[in-house]
PDB file of N, CA and C in Angstrom:
ATOM      1  N   UNK A   1       6.965 198.434  89.759  1.00  0.00           N
ATOM      2  CA  UNK A   1       6.534 198.204  91.121  1.00  0.00           C
ATOM      3  C   UNK A   1       5.061 198.609  91.311  1.00  0.00           C
ATOM      4  N   UNK A   2       4.672 199.684  90.661  1.00  0.00           N
ATOM      5  CA  UNK A   2       3.298 200.155  90.788  1.00  0.00           C
ATOM      6  C   UNK A   2       2.333 199.116  90.218  1.00  0.00           C
ATOM      7  N   UNK A   3       2.670 198.530  89.091  1.00  0.00           N
ATOM      8  CA  UNK A   3       1.807 197.512  88.471  1.00  0.00           C
ATOM      9  C   UNK A   3       1.666 196.291  89.388  1.00  0.00           C
ATOM     10  N   UNK A   4       2.755 195.890  90.011  1.00  0.00           N
ATOM     11  CA  UNK A   4       2.721 194.742  90.926  1.00  0.00           C
ATOM     12  C   UNK A   4       1.811 195.055  92.109  1.00  0.00           C
ATOM     13  N   UNK A   5       1.933 196.254  92.642  1.00  0.00           N
ATOM     14  CA  UNK A   5       1.096 196.667  93.772  1.00  0.00           C
ATOM     15  C   UNK A   5      -0.373 196.746  93.354  1.00  0.00           C
ATOM     16  N   UNK A   6      -0.654 197.304  92.183  1.00  0.00           N
ATOM     17  CA  UNK A   6      -2.031 197.388  91.693  1.00  0.00           C
ATOM     18  C   UNK A   6      -2.635 195.995  91.553  1.00  0.00           C
ATOM     19  N   UNK A   7      -1.862 195.069  91.004  1.00  0.00           N
ATOM     20  CA  UNK A   7      -2.350 193.707  90.832  1.00  0.00           C
ATOM     21  C   UNK A   7      -2.616 193.046  92.185  1.00  0.00           C
ATOM     22  N   UNK A   8      -1.725 193.246  93.133  1.00  0.00           N
ATOM     23  CA  UNK A   8      -1.898 192.661  94.468  1.00  0.00           C
ATOM     24  C   UNK A   8      -3.143 193.222  95.152  1.00  0.00           C
ATOM     25  N   UNK A   9      -3.358 194.510  95.032  1.00  0.00           N
ATOM     26  CA  UNK A   9      -4.529 195.138  95.650  1.00  0.00           C
ATOM     27  C   UNK A   9      -5.803 194.612  94.999  1.00  0.00           C
ATOM     28  N   UNK A  10      -5.807 194.481  93.687  1.00  0.00           N
ATOM     29  CA  UNK A  10      -6.988 193.968  92.981  1.00  0.00           C
ATOM     30  C   UNK A  10      -7.263 192.515  93.376  1.00  0.00           C
ATOM     31  N   UNK A  11      -6.238 191.704  93.466  1.00  0.00           N
ATOM     32  CA  UNK A  11      -6.423 190.315  93.890  1.00  0.00           C
ATOM     33  C   UNK A  11      -6.963 190.246  95.317  1.00  0.00           C
ATOM     34  N   UNK A  12      -6.466 191.096  96.187  1.00  0.00           N
ATOM     35  CA  UNK A  12      -6.954 191.146  97.562  1.00  0.00           C
ATOM     36  C   UNK A  12      -8.421 191.578  97.589  1.00  0.00           C
ATOM     37  N   UNK A  13      -8.765 192.594  96.795  1.00  0.00           N
ATOM     38  CA  UNK A  13     -10.143 193.077  96.737  1.00  0.00           C
ATOM     39  C   UNK A  13     -11.081 191.967  96.289  1.00  0.00           C
ATOM     40  N   UNK A  14     -10.677 191.234  95.265  1.00  0.00           N
ATOM     41  CA  UNK A  14     -11.505 190.139  94.759  1.00  0.00           C
ATOM     42  C   UNK A  14     -11.636 189.016  95.795  1.00  0.00           C
ATOM     43  N   UNK A  15     -10.550 188.703  96.455  1.00  0.00           N
ATOM     44  CA  UNK A  15     -10.581 187.655  97.476  1.00  0.00           C
ATOM     45  C   UNK A  15     -11.525 188.052  98.614  1.00  0.00           C
ATOM     46  N   UNK A  16     -11.482 189.306  99.017  1.00  0.00           N
ATOM     47  CA  UNK A  16     -12.366 189.785 100.083  1.00  0.00           C
ATOM     48  C   UNK A  16     -13.825 189.705  99.638  1.00  0.00           C
ATOM     49  N   UNK A  17     -14.088 190.111  98.406  1.00  0.00           N
ATOM     50  CA  UNK A  17     -15.450 190.056  97.872  1.00  0.00           C
ATOM     51  C   UNK A  17     -15.977 188.616  97.910  1.00  0.00           C
ATOM     52  N   UNK A  18     -15.169 187.673  97.423  1.00  0.00           N
ATOM     53  CA  UNK A  18     -15.596 186.273  97.401  1.00  0.00           C
ATOM     54  C   UNK A  18     -15.751 185.705  98.805  1.00  0.00           C
ATOM     55  N   UNK A  19     -14.880 186.097  99.720  1.00  0.00           N
ATOM     56  CA  UNK A  19     -15.003 185.635 101.107  1.00  0.00           C
ATOM     57  C   UNK A  19     -16.326 186.102 101.702  1.00  0.00           C
ATOM     58  N   UNK A  20     -16.663 187.366 101.485  1.00  0.00           N
ATOM     59  CA  UNK A  20     -17.922 187.907 102.012  1.00  0.00           C
ATOM     60  C   UNK A  20     -19.133 187.272 101.339  1.00  0.00           C
ATOM     61  N   UNK A  21     -19.050 187.056 100.032  1.00  0.00           N
ATOM     62  CA  UNK A  21     -20.154 186.425  99.307  1.00  0.00           C
ATOM     63  C   UNK A  21     -20.362 184.996  99.800  1.00  0.00           C
ATOM     64  N   UNK A  22     -19.279 184.273  99.993  1.00  0.00           N
ATOM     65  CA  UNK A  22     -19.391 182.901 100.492  1.00  0.00           C
ATOM     66  C   UNK A  22     -19.991 182.859 101.891  1.00  0.00           C
ATOM     67  N   UNK A  23     -19.603 183.785 102.729  1.00  0.00           N
ATOM     68  CA  UNK A  23     -20.151 183.837 104.090  1.00  0.00           C
ATOM     69  C   UNK A  23     -21.647 184.154 104.059  1.00  0.00           C
ATOM     70  N   UNK A  24     -22.046 185.076 103.200  1.00  0.00           N
ATOM     71  CA  UNK A  24     -23.460 185.424 103.087  1.00  0.00           C
ATOM     72  C   UNK A  24     -24.260 184.232 102.552  1.00  0.00           C
ATOM     73  N   UNK A  25     -23.705 183.533 101.590  1.00  0.00           N
ATOM     74  CA  UNK A  25     -24.372 182.363 101.028  1.00  0.00           C
ATOM     75  C   UNK A  25     -24.518 181.276 102.095  1.00  0.00           C
ATOM     76  N   UNK A  26     -23.506 181.082 102.905  1.00  0.00           N
ATOM     77  CA  UNK A  26     -23.568 180.086 103.980  1.00  0.00           C
ATOM     78  C   UNK A  26     -24.662 180.450 104.981  1.00  0.00           C
ATOM     79  N   UNK A  27     -24.782 181.739 105.308  1.00  0.00           N
ATOM     80  CA  UNK A  27     -25.850 182.169 106.225  1.00  0.00           C
ATOM     81  C   UNK A  27     -27.219 181.917 105.604  1.00  0.00           C
ATOM     82  N   UNK A  28     -27.344 182.187 104.313  1.00  0.00           N
ATOM     83  CA  UNK A  28     -28.611 181.965 103.614  1.00  0.00           C
ATOM     84  C   UNK A  28     -29.006 180.495 103.676  1.00  0.00           C
ATOM     85  N   UNK A  29     -28.063 179.614 103.449  1.00  0.00           N
ATOM     86  CA  UNK A  29     -28.357 178.176 103.454  1.00  0.00           C
ATOM     87  C   UNK A  29     -28.777 177.682 104.832  1.00  0.00           C
ATOM     88  N   UNK A  30     -28.362 178.343 105.884  1.00  0.00           N
ATOM     89  CA  UNK A  30     -28.745 177.934 107.239  1.00  0.00           C
ATOM     90  C   UNK A  30     -30.197 178.300 107.565  1.00  0.00           C
ATOM     91  N   UNK A  31     -30.729 179.284 106.845  1.00  0.00           N
ATOM     92  CA  UNK A  31     -32.115 179.718 107.047  1.00  0.00           C
ATOM     93  C   UNK A  31     -32.996 178.931 106.067  1.00  0.00           C
ATOM     94  N   UNK A  32     -33.681 177.903 106.576  1.00  0.00           N
ATOM     95  CA  UNK A  32     -34.446 177.003 105.702  1.00  0.00           C
ATOM     96  C   UNK A  32     -35.469 177.732 104.839  1.00  0.00           C
ATOM     97  N   UNK A  33     -36.186 178.658 105.433  1.00  0.00           N
ATOM     98  CA  UNK A  33     -37.227 179.375 104.688  1.00  0.00           C
ATOM     99  C   UNK A  33     -36.597 180.225 103.583  1.00  0.00           C
ATOM    100  N   UNK A  34     -35.554 180.950 103.909  1.00  0.00           N
ATOM    101  CA  UNK A  34     -34.879 181.798 102.922  1.00  0.00           C
ATOM    102  C   UNK A  34     -34.240 180.949 101.825  1.00  0.00           C
ATOM    103  N   UNK A  35     -33.656 179.817 102.202  1.00  0.00           N
ATOM    104  CA  UNK A  35     -33.016 178.943 101.215  1.00  0.00           C
ATOM    105  C   UNK A  35     -34.065 178.359 100.261  1.00  0.00           C
ATOM    106  N   UNK A  36     -35.220 177.988 100.789  1.00  0.00           N
ATOM    107  CA  UNK A  36     -36.298 177.463  99.946  1.00  0.00           C
ATOM    108  C   UNK A  36     -36.739 178.530  98.939  1.00  0.00           C
ATOM    109  N   UNK A  37     -36.873 179.748  99.397  1.00  0.00           N
ATOM    110  CA  UNK A  37     -37.257 180.856  98.515  1.00  0.00           C
ATOM    111  C   UNK A  37     -36.191 181.088  97.437  1.00  0.00           C
ATOM    112  N   UNK A  38     -34.937 181.047  97.836  1.00  0.00           N
ATOM    113  CA  UNK A  38     -33.828 181.194  96.876  1.00  0.00           C
ATOM    114  C   UNK A  38     -33.928 180.138  95.787  1.00  0.00           C
ATOM    115  N   UNK A  39     -34.118 178.900  96.185  1.00  0.00           N
ATOM    116  CA  UNK A  39     -34.210 177.794  95.217  1.00  0.00           C
ATOM    117  C   UNK A  39     -35.426 177.955  94.306  1.00  0.00           C
ATOM    118  N   UNK A  40     -36.511 178.471  94.852  1.00  0.00           N
ATOM    119  CA  UNK A  40     -37.724 178.674  94.062  1.00  0.00           C
ATOM    120  C   UNK A  40     -37.524 179.757  93.009  1.00  0.00           C
ATOM    121  N   UNK A  41     -36.754 180.795  93.343  1.00  0.00           N
ATOM    122  CA  UNK A  41     -36.552 181.926  92.429  1.00  0.00           C
ATOM    123  C   UNK A  41     -35.508 181.665  91.343  1.00  0.00           C
ATOM    124  N   UNK A  42     -34.640 180.709  91.530  1.00  0.00           N
ATOM    125  CA  UNK A  42     -33.541 180.489  90.586  1.00  0.00           C
ATOM    126  C   UNK A  42     -33.967 180.341  89.131  1.00  0.00           C
ATOM    127  N   UNK A  43     -34.980 179.535  88.822  1.00  0.00           N
ATOM    128  CA  UNK A  43     -35.361 179.407  87.403  1.00  0.00           C
ATOM    129  C   UNK A  43     -35.762 180.739  86.768  1.00  0.00           C
ATOM    130  N   UNK A  44     -36.413 181.587  87.550  1.00  0.00           N
ATOM    131  CA  UNK A  44     -36.802 182.900  87.037  1.00  0.00           C
ATOM    132  C   UNK A  44     -35.576 183.730  86.697  1.00  0.00           C
ATOM    133  N   UNK A  45     -34.609 183.769  87.598  1.00  0.00           N
ATOM    134  CA  UNK A  45     -33.389 184.538  87.355  1.00  0.00           C
ATOM    135  C   UNK A  45     -32.554 183.932  86.235  1.00  0.00           C
ATOM    136  N   UNK A  46     -32.523 182.605  86.157  1.00  0.00           N
ATOM    137  CA  UNK A  46     -31.774 181.951  85.084  1.00  0.00           C
ATOM    138  C   UNK A  46     -32.324 182.331  83.720  1.00  0.00           C
ATOM    139  N   UNK A  47     -33.633 182.486  83.632  1.00  0.00           N
ATOM    140  CA  UNK A  47     -34.253 182.869  82.358  1.00  0.00           C
ATOM    141  C   UNK A  47     -33.829 184.275  81.935  1.00  0.00           C
ATOM    142  N   UNK A  48     -33.579 185.148  82.888  1.00  0.00           N
ATOM    143  CA  UNK A  48     -33.189 186.519  82.531  1.00  0.00           C
ATOM    144  C   UNK A  48     -31.801 186.559  81.918  1.00  0.00           C
ATOM    145  N   UNK A  49     -30.986 185.559  82.185  1.00  0.00           N
ATOM    146  CA  UNK A  49     -29.633 185.524  81.618  1.00  0.00           C
ATOM    147  C   UNK A  49     -29.676 185.343  80.102  1.00  0.00           C
ATOM    148  N   UNK A  50     -30.748 184.789  79.599  1.00  0.00           N
ATOM    149  CA  UNK A  50     -30.856 184.530  78.173  1.00  0.00           C
ATOM    150  C   UNK A  50     -31.648 185.611  77.439  1.00  0.00           C
ATOM    151  N   UNK A  51     -32.092 186.642  78.117  1.00  0.00           N
ATOM    152  CA  UNK A  51     -32.941 187.662  77.497  1.00  0.00           C
ATOM    153  C   UNK A  51     -32.319 188.282  76.252  1.00  0.00           C
ATOM    154  N   UNK A  52     -31.049 188.572  76.281  1.00  0.00           N
ATOM    155  CA  UNK A  52     -30.432 189.297  75.176  1.00  0.00           C
ATOM    156  C   UNK A  52     -29.846 188.377  74.098  1.00  0.00           C
ATOM    157  N   UNK A  53     -29.960 187.092  74.277  1.00  0.00           N
ATOM    158  CA  UNK A  53     -29.400 186.163  73.301  1.00  0.00           C
ATOM    159  C   UNK A  53     -30.329 185.984  72.119  1.00  0.00           C
ATOM    160  N   UNK A  54     -29.727 185.915  70.963  1.00  0.00           N
ATOM    161  CA  UNK A  54     -30.520 185.671  69.759  1.00  0.00           C
ATOM    162  C   UNK A  54     -30.908 184.198  69.715  1.00  0.00           C
ATOM    163  N   UNK A  55     -32.045 183.944  69.111  1.00  0.00           N
ATOM    164  CA  UNK A  55     -32.478 182.548  68.965  1.00  0.00           C
ATOM    165  C   UNK A  55     -31.650 181.899  67.884  1.00  0.00           C
ATOM    166  N   UNK A  56     -31.248 180.672  68.147  1.00  0.00           N
ATOM    167  CA  UNK A  56     -30.419 179.949  67.175  1.00  0.00           C
ATOM    168  C   UNK A  56     -31.266 179.142  66.242  1.00  0.00           C
TER     169      UNK A  56
END
Protein backbone atom coordinates (compact mmCIF):
# COMPACT_ATOMS: atom_id res chain seq x y z
CA UNK A 1 0.00 0.00 0.00
CA UNK A 2 2.85 2.37 0.80
CA UNK A 3 4.41 1.84 -2.65
CA UNK A 4 1.07 2.56 -4.35
CA UNK A 5 0.68 5.75 -2.33
CA UNK A 6 4.27 6.83 -3.07
CA UNK A 7 3.71 6.29 -6.78
CA UNK A 8 0.43 8.23 -6.72
CA UNK A 9 2.03 11.15 -4.89
CA UNK A 10 4.95 11.22 -7.34
CA UNK A 11 2.61 11.15 -10.33
CA UNK A 12 0.57 13.97 -8.81
CA UNK A 13 3.74 15.99 -8.14
CA UNK A 14 4.87 15.56 -11.74
CA UNK A 15 1.45 16.46 -13.10
CA UNK A 16 1.39 19.63 -11.00
CA UNK A 17 4.89 20.57 -12.18
CA UNK A 18 3.91 20.14 -15.84
CA UNK A 19 0.65 22.04 -15.34
CA UNK A 20 2.54 24.99 -13.85
CA UNK A 21 5.24 24.84 -16.53
CA UNK A 22 2.63 24.81 -19.28
CA UNK A 23 0.82 27.77 -17.75
CA UNK A 24 4.06 29.74 -17.47
CA UNK A 25 4.94 28.91 -21.08
CA UNK A 26 1.49 30.06 -22.23
CA UNK A 27 1.97 33.38 -20.40
CA UNK A 28 5.39 33.78 -22.02
CA UNK A 29 3.95 33.24 -25.50
CA UNK A 30 1.35 35.97 -24.90
CA UNK A 31 4.11 38.52 -24.26
CA UNK A 32 5.43 39.25 -27.77
CA UNK A 33 8.67 40.86 -26.62
CA UNK A 34 9.48 38.09 -24.14
CA UNK A 35 8.56 35.39 -26.67
CA UNK A 36 10.84 36.97 -29.30
CA UNK A 37 13.70 36.99 -26.78
CA UNK A 38 13.01 33.35 -25.89
CA UNK A 39 13.17 32.35 -29.56
CA UNK A 40 16.37 34.33 -30.03
CA UNK A 41 18.08 32.59 -27.09
CA UNK A 42 17.13 29.02 -28.01
CA UNK A 43 20.08 28.28 -30.32
CA UNK A 44 22.49 29.36 -27.59
CA UNK A 45 20.88 27.08 -25.01
CA UNK A 46 20.62 24.22 -27.51
CA UNK A 47 24.37 24.40 -28.04
CA UNK A 48 24.99 23.93 -24.31
CA UNK A 49 23.21 20.58 -24.44
CA UNK A 50 26.04 19.22 -26.56
CA UNK A 51 28.91 20.57 -24.42
CA UNK A 52 29.73 17.26 -22.76
CA UNK A 53 29.32 15.07 -25.83
CA UNK A 54 32.35 13.60 -27.48
CA UNK A 55 32.90 14.38 -31.13
CA UNK A 56 32.02 11.49 -33.39
